[in-house]
Amino acid sequence: MPTITTKDGTEIYYKDWGKGQPIVFSHGWPLSADDWDTQMMFFLNHGYRVIAHDRRGHGRSSQPGDGHDMDHYADDLAALTAHLDLKGAIHVGHSTGGGEVVHYLARHGESRVAAAAIISAVPPLMVKTPANPGGLPKEIFDDFQKQTAYNRAQFYYDVAAGPFYGYNRPGAKPSQGVIWNWWRQGMMGGAKAHTDGILAFSQTDFTEDLKKITVPVLVMHGDDDQIVPYPDSAPLSAKLLRNSTLKTYKGFPHGMPTTEPDTINADLLTFLKGAVTKAAA
């Protein structure tokens, strides 16, 4: 099982398939690299090298008691890209993974990166503050932490069966396979990592990070996202980025890479081809 060991001794599991320009996928909370299987197979078949890791405390990576914050997430990603000596990489992040990608680019620079895409992503800031009046009340995240720490199995099922994929909407057709796969991934990780991770994704302010990024970034978000509400996320991130393209998907849920893979994969491919062409010009 391929792993790298970080400076603080944490083992990070990763998948690395194929050859060609590398695409590095960063998953959302509380999942694993497996959440990208549909995208990895699609881009592998289009001639890309596809890479995805399990964030520390998630999936098959080790479960340290600390380090569950955006600085460590970004540093772990940087360690992986350095270990694989990636050049001209494309970084794609979903939800918390979008925050990880943004913080990685701002913290470690763009020398190895050609472009990025953030999908249903948490930046600029999720929690409500005086400077972010459109954010979600802190009490919501406090409850998430309580549920994760003491009632994780039921909470994870309820999230997957309800708002994450929009299965609580009238006329929705829930997939039990998708629900149980989300639950499986979540339960593979550690309660401590997931509880701390809620603070990381909800209270990290990515405003200054977004301003530093110069590579092309595709911002993709559904307007029916019940986890990371659209108005306080994607449009604001797109404005802060220097070189962004905003794509808004009517009625799509938070987990749209899983529920709407044909649309998401095709739009990603179009963007990546265009970004590479511009970079080469």
C-alpha atoms as a PDB file:
ATOM      1  CA  MET A   1       0.000   0.000   0.000  1.00  0.00           C
ATOM      2  CA  PRO A   2       1.739   3.226  -1.138  1.00  0.00           C
ATOM      3  CA  THR A   3       2.317   5.748   1.625  1.00  0.00           C
ATOM      4  CA  ILE A   4       4.585   8.641   2.480  1.00  0.00           C
ATOM      5  CA  THR A   5       5.647   9.618   5.995  1.00  0.00           C
ATOM      6  CA  THR A   6       5.449  13.302   6.893  1.00  0.00           C
ATOM      7  CA  LYS A   7       7.889  15.211   9.082  1.00  0.00           C
ATOM      8  CA  ASP A   8       5.740  14.563  12.162  1.00  0.00           C
ATOM      9  CA  GLY A   9       5.596  10.817  11.478  1.00  0.00           C
ATOM     10  CA  THR A  10       2.105  10.639   9.966  1.00  0.00           C
ATOM     11  CA  GLU A  11       1.631   8.060   7.231  1.00  0.00           C
ATOM     12  CA  ILE A  12      -0.370   9.368   4.263  1.00  0.00           C
ATOM     13  CA  TYR A  13      -1.897   6.804   1.909  1.00  0.00           C
ATOM     14  CA  TYR A  14      -2.239   7.654  -1.769  1.00  0.00           C
ATOM     15  CA  LYS A  15      -3.289   6.212  -5.139  1.00  0.00           C
ATOM     16  CA  ASP A  16      -1.215   6.928  -8.241  1.00  0.00           C
ATOM     17  CA  TRP A  17      -2.513   5.599 -11.551  1.00  0.00           C
ATOM     18  CA  GLY A  18      -1.437   6.086 -15.150  1.00  0.00           C
ATOM     19  CA  LYS A  19       0.897   8.419 -16.983  1.00  0.00           C
ATOM     20  CA  GLY A  20       0.599  11.876 -18.489  1.00  0.00           C
ATOM     21  CA  GLN A  21      -0.115  15.267 -16.944  1.00  0.00           C
ATOM     22  CA  PRO A  22      -0.877  14.721 -13.259  1.00  0.00           C
ATOM     23  CA  ILE A  23      -4.235  15.556 -11.689  1.00  0.00           C
ATOM     24  CA  VAL A  24      -4.188  15.553  -7.879  1.00  0.00           C
ATOM     25  CA  PHE A  25      -7.536  15.148  -6.120  1.00  0.00           C
ATOM     26  CA  SER A  26      -8.220  16.354  -2.564  1.00  0.00           C
ATOM     27  CA  HIS A  27     -11.329  14.863  -0.943  1.00  0.00           C
ATOM     28  CA  GLY A  28     -13.951  16.366   1.328  1.00  0.00           C
ATOM     29  CA  TRP A  29     -14.728  15.782   5.005  1.00  0.00           C
ATOM     30  CA  PRO A  30     -14.905  13.054   6.378  1.00  0.00           C
ATOM     31  CA  LEU A  31     -14.179  10.933   3.310  1.00  0.00           C
ATOM     32  CA  SER A  32     -11.169   9.440   1.538  1.00  0.00           C
ATOM     33  CA  ALA A  33      -9.484   9.167  -1.853  1.00  0.00           C
ATOM     34  CA  ASP A  34     -12.186   6.649  -2.783  1.00  0.00           C
ATOM     35  CA  ASP A  35     -14.677   9.488  -3.173  1.00  0.00           C
ATOM     36  CA  TRP A  36     -12.849  10.400  -6.397  1.00  0.00           C
ATOM     37  CA  ASP A  37     -13.036   6.963  -8.041  1.00  0.00           C
ATOM     38  CA  THR A  38     -15.442   8.095 -10.788  1.00  0.00           C
ATOM     39  CA  GLN A  39     -13.290  11.107 -11.666  1.00  0.00           C
ATOM     40  CA  MET A  40     -10.051   9.136 -11.472  1.00  0.00           C
ATOM     41  CA  MET A  41     -11.314   6.480 -13.875  1.00  0.00           C
ATOM     42  CA  PHE A  42     -12.632   9.131 -16.274  1.00  0.00           C
ATOM     43  CA  PHE A  43      -9.409  11.130 -16.431  1.00  0.00           C
ATOM     44  CA  LEU A  44      -7.228   8.024 -16.465  1.00  0.00           C
ATOM     45  CA  ASN A  45      -9.083   6.963 -19.604  1.00  0.00           C
ATOM     46  CA  HIS A  46      -8.424  10.412 -21.098  1.00  0.00           C
ATOM     47  CA  GLY A  47      -4.672  10.074 -20.759  1.00  0.00           C
ATOM     48  CA  TYR A  48      -3.987  11.761 -17.444  1.00  0.00           C
ATOM     49  CA  ARG A  49      -2.023  10.538 -14.449  1.00  0.00           C
ATOM     50  CA  VAL A  50      -4.432  10.580 -11.514  1.00  0.00           C
ATOM     51  CA  ILE A  51      -3.431  10.844  -7.856  1.00  0.00           C
ATOM     52  CA  ALA A  52      -5.517  11.004  -4.692  1.00  0.00           C
ATOM     53  CA  HIS A  53      -4.562  10.725  -1.041  1.00  0.00           C
ATOM     54  CA  ASP A  54      -6.360  10.061   2.215  1.00  0.00           C
ATOM     55  CA  ARG A  55      -6.014  13.147   4.404  1.00  0.00           C
ATOM     56  CA  ARG A  56      -4.360  12.557   7.785  1.00  0.00           C
ATOM     57  CA  GLY A  57      -6.826  10.885  10.137  1.00  0.00           C
ATOM     58  CA  HIS A  58      -9.011   9.826   7.187  1.00  0.00           C
ATOM     59  CA  GLY A  59      -9.328   6.597   5.251  1.00  0.00           C
ATOM     60  CA  ARG A  60      -6.176   4.465   5.291  1.00  0.00           C
ATOM     61  CA  SER A  61      -3.824   7.181   6.554  1.00  0.00           C
ATOM     62  CA  SER A  62      -2.686   7.054  10.160  1.00  0.00           C
ATOM     63  CA  GLN A  63      -4.665   8.754  12.915  1.00  0.00           C
ATOM     64  CA  PRO A  64      -2.460  11.144  14.885  1.00  0.00           C
ATOM     65  CA  GLY A  65      -3.976  13.005  17.804  1.00  0.00           C
ATOM     66  CA  ASP A  66      -3.145  16.426  16.408  1.00  0.00           C
ATOM     67  CA  GLY A  67      -2.307  18.264  13.211  1.00  0.00           C
ATOM     68  CA  HIS A  68      -5.871  18.339  11.933  1.00  0.00           C
ATOM     69  CA  ASP A  69      -5.775  21.875  10.551  1.00  0.00           C
ATOM     70  CA  MET A  70      -5.327  23.526   7.176  1.00  0.00           C
ATOM     71  CA  ASP A  71      -1.621  24.175   7.662  1.00  0.00           C
ATOM     72  CA  HIS A  72      -0.941  20.469   8.159  1.00  0.00           C
ATOM     73  CA  TYR A  73      -3.333  19.487   5.368  1.00  0.00           C
ATOM     74  CA  ALA A  74      -1.492  21.799   2.955  1.00  0.00           C
ATOM     75  CA  ASP A  75       1.918  20.636   4.162  1.00  0.00           C
ATOM     76  CA  ASP A  76       0.933  16.976   3.736  1.00  0.00           C
ATOM     77  CA  LEU A  77      -0.187  17.716   0.184  1.00  0.00           C
ATOM     78  CA  ALA A  78       3.088  19.517  -0.494  1.00  0.00           C
ATOM     79  CA  ALA A  79       5.020  16.521   0.873  1.00  0.00           C
ATOM     80  CA  LEU A  80       3.129  14.218  -1.477  1.00  0.00           C
ATOM     81  CA  THR A  81       3.721  16.375  -4.559  1.00  0.00           C
ATOM     82  CA  ALA A  82       7.408  16.667  -3.692  1.00  0.00           C
ATOM     83  CA  HIS A  83       7.721  12.916  -3.088  1.00  0.00           C
ATOM     84  CA  LEU A  84       6.195  12.219  -6.517  1.00  0.00           C
ATOM     85  CA  ASP A  85       8.153  15.129  -8.052  1.00  0.00           C
ATOM     86  CA  LEU A  86       5.049  16.402  -9.824  1.00  0.00           C
ATOM     87  CA  LYS A  87       5.369  19.126 -12.447  1.00  0.00           C
ATOM     88  CA  GLY A  88       2.574  20.966 -14.245  1.00  0.00           C
ATOM     89  CA  ALA A  89       0.012  19.378 -11.945  1.00  0.00           C
ATOM     90  CA  ILE A  90      -3.678  20.176 -11.874  1.00  0.00           C
ATOM     91  CA  HIS A  91      -5.195  20.234  -8.385  1.00  0.00           C
ATOM     92  CA  VAL A  92      -8.872  19.465  -7.881  1.00  0.00           C
ATOM     93  CA  GLY A  93     -10.491  19.796  -4.459  1.00  0.00           C
ATOM     94  CA  HIS A  94     -14.019  19.091  -3.264  1.00  0.00           C
ATOM     95  CA  SER A  95     -15.498  20.793  -0.188  1.00  0.00           C
ATOM     96  CA  THR A  96     -12.787  20.726   2.525  1.00  0.00           C
ATOM     97  CA  GLY A  97     -10.445  19.544  -0.204  1.00  0.00           C
ATOM     98  CA  GLY A  98     -11.081  22.811  -2.022  1.00  0.00           C
ATOM     99  CA  GLY A  99      -9.832  24.648   1.040  1.00  0.00           C
ATOM    100  CA  GLU A 100      -6.827  22.337   1.166  1.00  0.00           C
ATOM    101  CA  VAL A 101      -5.970  23.126  -2.465  1.00  0.00           C
ATOM    102  CA  VAL A 102      -6.341  26.879  -1.968  1.00  0.00           C
ATOM    103  CA  HIS A 103      -4.199  26.868   1.172  1.00  0.00           C
ATOM    104  CA  TYR A 104      -1.580  24.638  -0.482  1.00  0.00           C
ATOM    105  CA  LEU A 105      -1.222  27.002  -3.440  1.00  0.00           C
ATOM    106  CA  ALA A 106      -0.951  30.060  -1.213  1.00  0.00           C
ATOM    107  CA  ARG A 107       1.360  28.449   1.346  1.00  0.00           C
ATOM    108  CA  HIS A 108       3.672  26.473  -0.939  1.00  0.00           C
ATOM    109  CA  GLY A 109       3.554  28.360  -4.215  1.00  0.00           C
ATOM    110  CA  GLU A 110       2.619  27.405  -7.744  1.00  0.00           C
ATOM    111  CA  SER A 111       5.939  26.136  -9.152  1.00  0.00           C
ATOM    112  CA  ARG A 112       4.552  22.604  -9.550  1.00  0.00           C
ATOM    113  CA  VAL A 113       1.031  23.649 -10.592  1.00  0.00           C
ATOM    114  CA  ALA A 114      -0.614  24.457 -13.949  1.00  0.00           C
ATOM    115  CA  ALA A 115      -4.231  24.975 -12.883  1.00  0.00           C
ATOM    116  CA  ALA A 116      -6.781  24.131 -10.213  1.00  0.00           C
ATOM    117  CA  ALA A 117     -10.481  23.497  -9.724  1.00  0.00           C
ATOM    118  CA  ILE A 118     -12.469  23.812  -6.518  1.00  0.00           C
ATOM    119  CA  ILE A 119     -15.838  22.085  -6.326  1.00  0.00           C
ATOM    120  CA  SER A 120     -18.514  22.847  -3.702  1.00  0.00           C
ATOM    121  CA  ALA A 121     -15.603  24.281  -1.766  1.00  0.00           C
ATOM    122  CA  VAL A 122     -15.514  25.858   1.690  1.00  0.00           C
ATOM    123  CA  PRO A 123     -13.594  29.099   0.896  1.00  0.00           C
ATOM    124  CA  PRO A 124     -13.613  31.965   1.541  1.00  0.00           C
ATOM    125  CA  LEU A 125     -15.069  31.359   5.062  1.00  0.00           C
ATOM    126  CA  MET A 126     -17.993  29.254   6.234  1.00  0.00           C
ATOM    127  CA  VAL A 127     -18.709  30.500   9.747  1.00  0.00           C
ATOM    128  CA  LYS A 128     -20.667  33.681  10.371  1.00  0.00           C
ATOM    129  CA  THR A 129     -18.585  36.574  11.697  1.00  0.00           C
ATOM    130  CA  PRO A 130     -18.987  40.369  11.699  1.00  0.00           C
ATOM    131  CA  ALA A 131     -16.879  40.432   8.529  1.00  0.00           C
ATOM    132  CA  ASN A 132     -18.787  37.477   7.028  1.00  0.00           C
ATOM    133  CA  PRO A 133     -22.442  38.116   7.879  1.00  0.00           C
ATOM    134  CA  GLY A 134     -23.670  35.627   5.279  1.00  0.00           C
ATOM    135  CA  GLY A 135     -21.908  32.695   6.937  1.00  0.00           C
ATOM    136  CA  LEU A 136     -23.466  29.897   8.950  1.00  0.00           C
ATOM    137  CA  PRO A 137     -23.861  30.301  12.749  1.00  0.00           C
ATOM    138  CA  LYS A 138     -21.102  28.726  14.818  1.00  0.00           C
ATOM    139  CA  GLU A 139     -23.740  26.682  16.682  1.00  0.00           C
ATOM    140  CA  ILE A 140     -24.273  24.562  13.567  1.00  0.00           C
ATOM    141  CA  PHE A 141     -20.634  23.491  13.574  1.00  0.00           C
ATOM    142  CA  ASP A 142     -20.663  22.984  17.337  1.00  0.00           C
ATOM    143  CA  ASP A 143     -23.486  20.499  16.818  1.00  0.00           C
ATOM    144  CA  PHE A 144     -21.550  18.803  14.000  1.00  0.00           C
ATOM    145  CA  GLN A 145     -18.649  18.318  16.399  1.00  0.00           C
ATOM    146  CA  LYS A 146     -20.880  16.897  19.121  1.00  0.00           C
ATOM    147  CA  GLN A 147     -22.545  14.469  16.717  1.00  0.00           C
ATOM    148  CA  THR A 148     -19.195  13.406  15.252  1.00  0.00           C
ATOM    149  CA  ALA A 149     -17.635  12.802  18.634  1.00  0.00           C
ATOM    150  CA  TYR A 150     -20.496  10.872  20.245  1.00  0.00           C
ATOM    151  CA  ASN A 151     -22.939   9.646  17.605  1.00  0.00           C
ATOM    152  CA  ARG A 152     -20.812   9.297  14.509  1.00  0.00           C
ATOM    153  CA  ALA A 153     -22.319   6.202  12.893  1.00  0.00           C
ATOM    154  CA  GLN A 154     -25.885   7.529  12.855  1.00  0.00           C
ATOM    155  CA  PHE A 155     -24.844  11.091  12.053  1.00  0.00           C
ATOM    156  CA  TYR A 156     -22.847   9.986   9.021  1.00  0.00           C
ATOM    157  CA  TYR A 157     -25.722   7.937   7.682  1.00  0.00           C
ATOM    158  CA  ASP A 158     -28.117  10.848   8.146  1.00  0.00           C
ATOM    159  CA  VAL A 159     -25.816  13.308   6.362  1.00  0.00           C
ATOM    160  CA  ALA A 160     -25.352  11.024   3.366  1.00  0.00           C
ATOM    161  CA  ALA A 161     -29.012  10.020   3.198  1.00  0.00           C
ATOM    162  CA  GLY A 162     -30.124  13.638   3.467  1.00  0.00           C
ATOM    163  CA  PRO A 163     -28.503  16.964   2.595  1.00  0.00           C
ATOM    164  CA  PHE A 164     -25.100  15.907   1.226  1.00  0.00           C
ATOM    165  CA  TYR A 165     -26.528  14.491  -1.998  1.00  0.00           C
ATOM    166  CA  GLY A 166     -29.841  16.320  -1.885  1.00  0.00           C
ATOM    167  CA  TYR A 167     -31.659  13.072  -1.160  1.00  0.00           C
ATOM    168  CA  ASN A 168     -33.970  14.991   1.190  1.00  0.00           C
ATOM    169  CA  ARG A 169     -35.400  17.008  -1.691  1.00  0.00           C
ATOM    170  CA  PRO A 170     -38.870  16.244  -3.114  1.00  0.00           C
ATOM    171  CA  GLY A 171     -38.625  13.793  -5.985  1.00  0.00           C
ATOM    172  CA  ALA A 172     -35.070  12.719  -5.159  1.00  0.00           C
ATOM    173  CA  LYS A 173     -34.115   9.098  -5.806  1.00  0.00           C
ATOM    174  CA  PRO A 174     -31.630   8.087  -3.095  1.00  0.00           C
ATOM    175  CA  SER A 175     -29.012   5.494  -3.949  1.00  0.00           C
ATOM    176  CA  GLN A 176     -28.363   3.187  -1.022  1.00  0.00           C
ATOM    177  CA  GLY A 177     -25.016   2.252  -2.531  1.00  0.00           C
ATOM    178  CA  VAL A 178     -23.914   5.881  -2.584  1.00  0.00           C
ATOM    179  CA  ILE A 179     -25.176   6.421   0.974  1.00  0.00           C
ATOM    180  CA  TRP A 180     -23.394   3.386   2.370  1.00  0.00           C
ATOM    181  CA  ASN A 181     -20.207   4.185   0.456  1.00  0.00           C
ATOM    182  CA  TRP A 182     -20.157   7.645   2.070  1.00  0.00           C
ATOM    183  CA  TRP A 183     -20.783   6.028   5.470  1.00  0.00           C
ATOM    184  CA  ARG A 184     -18.038   3.450   4.849  1.00  0.00           C
ATOM    185  CA  GLN A 185     -15.476   6.092   4.003  1.00  0.00           C
ATOM    186  CA  GLY A 186     -16.386   8.228   6.991  1.00  0.00           C
ATOM    187  CA  MET A 187     -16.213   5.368   9.463  1.00  0.00           C
ATOM    188  CA  MET A 188     -12.742   4.372   8.200  1.00  0.00           C
ATOM    189  CA  GLY A 189     -11.339   7.621   9.586  1.00  0.00           C
ATOM    190  CA  GLY A 190     -10.826   8.750  13.170  1.00  0.00           C
ATOM    191  CA  ALA A 191     -13.316  10.583  15.367  1.00  0.00           C
ATOM    192  CA  LYS A 192     -10.599  12.941  16.675  1.00  0.00           C
ATOM    193  CA  ALA A 193      -9.449  13.891  13.176  1.00  0.00           C
ATOM    194  CA  HIS A 194     -13.010  14.414  11.988  1.00  0.00           C
ATOM    195  CA  THR A 195     -14.042  16.457  15.026  1.00  0.00           C
ATOM    196  CA  ASP A 196     -11.000  18.722  14.721  1.00  0.00           C
ATOM    197  CA  GLY A 197     -11.496  18.877  10.965  1.00  0.00           C
ATOM    198  CA  ILE A 198     -14.840  20.586  11.436  1.00  0.00           C
ATOM    199  CA  LEU A 199     -13.013  23.535  12.970  1.00  0.00           C
ATOM    200  CA  ALA A 200     -10.538  23.494  10.097  1.00  0.00           C
ATOM    201  CA  PHE A 201     -13.106  23.632   7.333  1.00  0.00           C
ATOM    202  CA  SER A 202     -15.550  25.993   9.051  1.00  0.00           C
ATOM    203  CA  GLN A 203     -13.332  28.564  10.739  1.00  0.00           C
ATOM    204  CA  THR A 204     -10.335  28.931   8.421  1.00  0.00           C
ATOM    205  CA  ASP A 205     -10.481  32.227   6.543  1.00  0.00           C
ATOM    206  CA  PHE A 206      -9.086  31.684   3.029  1.00  0.00           C
ATOM    207  CA  THR A 207      -9.545  35.270   1.856  1.00  0.00           C
ATOM    208  CA  GLU A 208      -5.849  36.168   1.690  1.00  0.00           C
ATOM    209  CA  ASP A 209      -4.976  32.750   0.243  1.00  0.00           C
ATOM    210  CA  LEU A 210      -7.364  33.259  -2.651  1.00  0.00           C
ATOM    211  CA  LYS A 211      -5.837  36.651  -3.450  1.00  0.00           C
ATOM    212  CA  LYS A 212      -2.363  35.112  -3.818  1.00  0.00           C
ATOM    213  CA  ILE A 213      -3.276  32.524  -6.444  1.00  0.00           C
ATOM    214  CA  THR A 214      -2.412  33.339 -10.066  1.00  0.00           C
ATOM    215  CA  VAL A 215      -2.946  30.042 -11.927  1.00  0.00           C
ATOM    216  CA  PRO A 216      -6.314  29.473 -13.667  1.00  0.00           C
ATOM    217  CA  VAL A 217      -8.942  28.215 -11.224  1.00  0.00           C
ATOM    218  CA  LEU A 218     -12.336  26.772 -12.108  1.00  0.00           C
ATOM    219  CA  VAL A 219     -14.885  27.404  -9.352  1.00  0.00           C
ATOM    220  CA  MET A 220     -17.768  24.897  -9.573  1.00  0.00           C
ATOM    221  CA  HIS A 221     -20.767  24.969  -7.249  1.00  0.00           C
ATOM    222  CA  GLY A 222     -24.391  23.864  -7.189  1.00  0.00           C
ATOM    223  CA  ASP A 223     -26.988  26.445  -6.201  1.00  0.00           C
ATOM    224  CA  ASP A 224     -28.838  23.846  -4.099  1.00  0.00           C
ATOM    225  CA  ASP A 225     -25.802  23.019  -1.946  1.00  0.00           C
ATOM    226  CA  GLN A 226     -27.135  22.422   1.589  1.00  0.00           C
ATOM    227  CA  ILE A 227     -23.694  21.879   3.150  1.00  0.00           C
ATOM    228  CA  VAL A 228     -21.700  24.838   1.793  1.00  0.00           C
ATOM    229  CA  PRO A 229     -24.356  27.374   0.772  1.00  0.00           C
ATOM    230  CA  TYR A 230     -23.687  28.873  -2.647  1.00  0.00           C
ATOM    231  CA  PRO A 231     -24.138  32.641  -1.998  1.00  0.00           C
ATOM    232  CA  ASP A 232     -21.400  32.832   0.644  1.00  0.00           C
ATOM    233  CA  SER A 233     -18.878  30.625  -1.137  1.00  0.00           C
ATOM    234  CA  ALA A 234     -18.325  30.240  -4.890  1.00  0.00           C
ATOM    235  CA  PRO A 235     -19.176  33.767  -6.109  1.00  0.00           C
ATOM    236  CA  LEU A 236     -17.044  35.320  -3.378  1.00  0.00           C
ATOM    237  CA  SER A 237     -14.097  33.015  -4.105  1.00  0.00           C
ATOM    238  CA  ALA A 238     -14.329  33.721  -7.826  1.00  0.00           C
ATOM    239  CA  LYS A 239     -14.126  37.465  -7.149  1.00  0.00           C
ATOM    240  CA  LEU A 240     -11.076  37.099  -4.914  1.00  0.00           C
ATOM    241  CA  LEU A 241      -9.157  34.892  -7.351  1.00  0.00           C
ATOM    242  CA  ARG A 242      -7.113  36.668 -10.021  1.00  0.00           C
ATOM    243  CA  ASN A 243      -7.787  34.178 -12.811  1.00  0.00           C
ATOM    244  CA  SER A 244     -11.076  32.406 -12.162  1.00  0.00           C
ATOM    245  CA  THR A 245     -13.970  30.886 -14.075  1.00  0.00           C
ATOM    246  CA  LEU A 246     -17.229  30.438 -12.164  1.00  0.00           C
ATOM    247  CA  LYS A 247     -19.654  27.697 -13.175  1.00  0.00           C
ATOM    248  CA  THR A 248     -22.950  27.535 -11.303  1.00  0.00           C
ATOM    249  CA  TYR A 249     -25.134  24.413 -11.535  1.00  0.00           C
ATOM    250  CA  LYS A 250     -28.849  24.870 -11.087  1.00  0.00           C
ATOM    251  CA  GLY A 251     -30.299  22.389  -8.579  1.00  0.00           C
ATOM    252  CA  PHE A 252     -27.058  20.451  -8.057  1.00  0.00           C
ATOM    253  CA  PRO A 253     -26.251  19.304  -4.474  1.00  0.00           C
ATOM    254  CA  HIS A 254     -23.041  19.424  -2.473  1.00  0.00           C
ATOM    255  CA  GLY A 255     -21.982  15.955  -3.577  1.00  0.00           C
ATOM    256  CA  MET A 256     -22.394  16.718  -7.272  1.00  0.00           C
ATOM    257  CA  PRO A 257     -19.200  14.934  -8.423  1.00  0.00           C
ATOM    258  CA  THR A 258     -20.997  11.728  -7.385  1.00  0.00           C
ATOM    259  CA  THR A 259     -24.582  12.535  -8.367  1.00  0.00           C
ATOM    260  CA  GLU A 260     -23.756  14.393 -11.603  1.00  0.00           C
ATOM    261  CA  PRO A 261     -20.439  12.929 -12.771  1.00  0.00           C
ATOM    262  CA  ASP A 262     -21.094  13.211 -16.517  1.00  0.00           C
ATOM    263  CA  THR A 263     -21.603  16.977 -16.286  1.00  0.00           C
ATOM    264  CA  ILE A 264     -18.826  17.632 -13.778  1.00  0.00           C
ATOM    265  CA  ASN A 265     -16.251  15.467 -15.545  1.00  0.00           C
ATOM    266  CA  ALA A 266     -16.981  16.962 -18.966  1.00  0.00           C
ATOM    267  CA  ASP A 267     -16.736  20.533 -17.671  1.00  0.00           C
ATOM    268  CA  LEU A 268     -13.510  19.760 -15.820  1.00  0.00           C
ATOM    269  CA  LEU A 269     -11.998  18.225 -18.944  1.00  0.00           C
ATOM    270  CA  THR A 270     -12.949  21.227 -21.072  1.00  0.00           C
ATOM    271  CA  PHE A 271     -11.463  23.622 -18.536  1.00  0.00           C
ATOM    272  CA  LEU A 272      -8.248  21.645 -18.106  1.00  0.00           C
ATOM    273  CA  LYS A 273      -7.660  21.408 -21.840  1.00  0.00           C
ATOM    274  CA  GLY A 274      -8.215  25.129 -22.156  1.00  0.00           C
ATOM    275  CA  ALA A 275      -5.961  25.976 -19.210  1.00  0.00           C
ATOM    276  CA  VAL A 276      -3.147  23.841 -20.587  1.00  0.00           C
ATOM    277  CA  THR A 277      -3.483  25.408 -24.025  1.00  0.00           C
ATOM    278  CA  LYS A 278      -3.274  28.922 -22.552  1.00  0.00           C
ATOM    279  CA  ALA A 279      -0.273  27.955 -20.428  1.00  0.00           C
ATOM    280  CA  ALA A 280       1.550  26.588 -23.463  1.00  0.00           C
ATOM    281  CA  ALA A 281       0.790  29.656 -25.620  1.00  0.00           C
END
